[in-house]
Amino acid sequence: GVTVARGDGPTADTSLDGTYRFTDVVPGAYLLAITVPDSFVAVGQTSRTVNVGSGGSVQSNFILQARGVIQGVVFDDFNGNGMQDADESGVGGVTVSRGAASITTSGDGSYRFNNVPPGSYDVSIAVPAGYVPSGPTSSTVNVAIGGSVQANFALQVQGVLGVVFDDLNGNGRQDGGEPGIGGVSIALEDTSTATTSLDGKYRFANVAPGSYVLYLDLPAGYVAVGRTNRLVMVASGGSARANFALQAQSVLQGVVFDD
């Protein structure tokens, strides 16, 4: 499917195996040139002059390399582990740059550079307002011939965030299988309040640097494992985390009867 043009007008398209052929060529000098498809990059010349003798045959080859893909996702790293977990959504509208080229992440946080020539590239993001990095904001990737590489970037909302969870084993940490508790009210001193989502998460965005006390309103049917208030420090351009562990109250019941 690559077009090879002869300087005097005729063209030929390569077959599936890449070969092309001009027949019944009058002896003389001819300029051959190829049109490089968007998904390939030329290695060496894309045109050259050949001399055809009387009754002769001349071979002229051109080398192309398949371009590659750089893709990835920019995501809201709620737990701060630098990896996108199943419950962590992408962040749309983030500018991702590859040298002078740049694109914007889609609504699900994904981006994709197509038709990238093989080589080494620095990929970086511009951290949007209201977020702070939760990992590196640039990455060096190597694109192989026709290859695809992934570069993901982690962000966190600037402010105070955390989770309220059912601490089944009572160790004060959220372990696997310990669910979040939704509908719990948390106050950031006397400035604002937030209610945990169904998975127990809460966040206060765009909190100015300083010290703050968080107060948890203990819901009915639960007891606290540890404190229900926490002191947090928000650094300039940073975020702070405070989790709260609760346990469901046990019920002891029975009946007194006349035997």
Foldseek 3Di string as FASTA:
>chain_A
DKWKAKQVGDIWDADPVRDTDDPPDDFAKIKIAIDDDLQKDWDDDRIDIDTADVVGDDDDDTDIFGFEKEKEFEWAPQVLPFDDDPPIFTPWQKWKDWVPDIDTAHRRRMDMDGSHHFAKTKIFIDDDPQKFFSDDRIDIDTADGHYYDYDYTYIHGQEEKEFEWAPPPLPFDDDPPIFTPWQKWKDFAPPDIWTAHRRGMTTDIPDAFDKTKMATDDDPQKDWSDDRIDIWGRDVRHYTYDYTYIHGDDDDDDDDDDD
